[in-house]
């Protein structure tokens, strides 16, 4: 979880000009979009450079 927040700060927030968000709706949408990217598109070295969503489904398939 801490890695996620760290990445969000460096990959999303630090790239934006001040003010970071125009309003609460913009903040919520931006964070939701980042979570989608983080879980479905971004590859993670700790899980063999797989996407977390794919890794999770592979683990579920191995349980059954």
C-alpha atoms as a PDB file:
ATOM      1  CA  UNK A   1       0.000   0.000   0.000  1.00  0.00           C
ATOM      2  CA  UNK A   2       2.811   2.420   0.811  1.00  0.00           C
ATOM      3  CA  UNK A   3       4.380   1.768  -2.571  1.00  0.00           C
ATOM      4  CA  UNK A   4       1.106   2.666  -4.273  1.00  0.00           C
ATOM      5  CA  UNK A   5       0.859   6.016  -2.467  1.00  0.00           C
ATOM      6  CA  UNK A   6       4.524   6.759  -3.157  1.00  0.00           C
ATOM      7  CA  UNK A   7       4.086   6.045  -6.880  1.00  0.00           C
ATOM      8  CA  UNK A   8       0.881   8.082  -6.984  1.00  0.00           C
ATOM      9  CA  UNK A   9       2.718  11.073  -5.529  1.00  0.00           C
ATOM     10  CA  UNK A  10       5.694  10.838  -7.872  1.00  0.00           C
ATOM     11  CA  UNK A  11       3.920   9.721 -11.051  1.00  0.00           C
ATOM     12  CA  UNK A  12       0.752  11.799 -10.787  1.00  0.00           C
ATOM     13  CA  UNK A  13       0.909  14.634  -8.304  1.00  0.00           C
ATOM     14  CA  UNK A  14       4.439  15.902  -8.849  1.00  0.00           C
ATOM     15  CA  UNK A  15       3.881  16.128 -12.619  1.00  0.00           C
ATOM     16  CA  UNK A  16       1.045  18.632 -12.270  1.00  0.00           C
ATOM     17  CA  UNK A  17       1.191  22.387 -11.925  1.00  0.00           C
ATOM     18  CA  UNK A  18      -0.251  24.088  -8.849  1.00  0.00           C
ATOM     19  CA  UNK A  19      -3.119  23.852  -8.065  1.00  0.00           C
ATOM     20  CA  UNK A  20      -2.898  20.105  -8.568  1.00  0.00           C
ATOM     21  CA  UNK A  21      -6.658  19.610  -8.945  1.00  0.00           C
ATOM     22  CA  UNK A  22      -9.331  22.056  -9.982  1.00  0.00           C
ATOM     23  CA  UNK A  23     -11.908  20.661  -7.536  1.00  0.00           C
ATOM     24  CA  UNK A  24     -12.900  17.544  -5.601  1.00  0.00           C
ATOM     25  CA  UNK A  25     -14.430  15.891  -8.680  1.00  0.00           C
ATOM     26  CA  UNK A  26     -11.164  16.365 -10.594  1.00  0.00           C
ATOM     27  CA  UNK A  27      -9.190  14.919  -7.667  1.00  0.00           C
ATOM     28  CA  UNK A  28     -11.444  11.871  -7.388  1.00  0.00           C
ATOM     29  CA  UNK A  29     -11.369  11.206 -11.133  1.00  0.00           C
ATOM     30  CA  UNK A  30      -7.592  11.640 -11.337  1.00  0.00           C
ATOM     31  CA  UNK A  31      -6.921   9.265  -8.456  1.00  0.00           C
ATOM     32  CA  UNK A  32      -9.413   6.709  -9.827  1.00  0.00           C
ATOM     33  CA  UNK A  33      -7.715   6.884 -13.237  1.00  0.00           C
ATOM     34  CA  UNK A  34      -4.312   6.403 -11.617  1.00  0.00           C
ATOM     35  CA  UNK A  35      -5.534   3.372  -9.640  1.00  0.00           C
ATOM     36  CA  UNK A  36      -6.853   1.873 -12.876  1.00  0.00           C
ATOM     37  CA  UNK A  37      -3.484   2.461 -14.556  1.00  0.00           C
ATOM     38  CA  UNK A  38      -1.578   1.115 -11.537  1.00  0.00           C
ATOM     39  CA  UNK A  39      -3.585  -2.116 -11.381  1.00  0.00           C
ATOM     40  CA  UNK A  40      -4.298  -2.822 -15.048  1.00  0.00           C
ATOM     41  CA  UNK A  41      -1.445  -1.332 -17.097  1.00  0.00           C
ATOM     42  CA  UNK A  42       1.633  -0.690 -14.952  1.00  0.00           C
ATOM     43  CA  UNK A  43       4.052  -3.604 -14.700  1.00  0.00           C
ATOM     44  CA  UNK A  44       5.495  -4.368 -11.260  1.00  0.00           C
ATOM     45  CA  UNK A  45       8.980  -5.745 -10.733  1.00  0.00           C
ATOM     46  CA  UNK A  46       8.022  -7.470  -7.469  1.00  0.00           C
ATOM     47  CA  UNK A  47       5.634  -9.802  -9.344  1.00  0.00           C
ATOM     48  CA  UNK A  48       7.809 -10.610 -12.342  1.00  0.00           C
ATOM     49  CA  UNK A  49       6.896  -7.502 -14.345  1.00  0.00           C
ATOM     50  CA  UNK A  50       3.270  -8.550 -14.590  1.00  0.00           C
ATOM     51  CA  UNK A  51       0.306  -6.269 -14.166  1.00  0.00           C
ATOM     52  CA  UNK A  52      -1.299  -6.717 -10.713  1.00  0.00           C
ATOM     53  CA  UNK A  53      -4.715  -7.536 -12.176  1.00  0.00           C
ATOM     54  CA  UNK A  54      -3.235 -10.312 -14.317  1.00  0.00           C
ATOM     55  CA  UNK A  55      -1.076 -11.610 -11.467  1.00  0.00           C
ATOM     56  CA  UNK A  56      -4.104 -11.741  -9.152  1.00  0.00           C
ATOM     57  CA  UNK A  57      -6.117 -13.740 -11.671  1.00  0.00           C
ATOM     58  CA  UNK A  58      -3.229 -16.157 -12.193  1.00  0.00           C
ATOM     59  CA  UNK A  59      -3.031 -16.709  -8.451  1.00  0.00           C
ATOM     60  CA  UNK A  60      -6.770 -17.354  -8.247  1.00  0.00           C
ATOM     61  CA  UNK A  61      -6.531 -19.870 -11.077  1.00  0.00           C
ATOM     62  CA  UNK A  62      -3.754 -21.715  -9.215  1.00  0.00           C
ATOM     63  CA  UNK A  63      -5.909 -22.047  -6.078  1.00  0.00           C
ATOM     64  CA  UNK A  64      -8.768 -23.888  -7.759  1.00  0.00           C
END
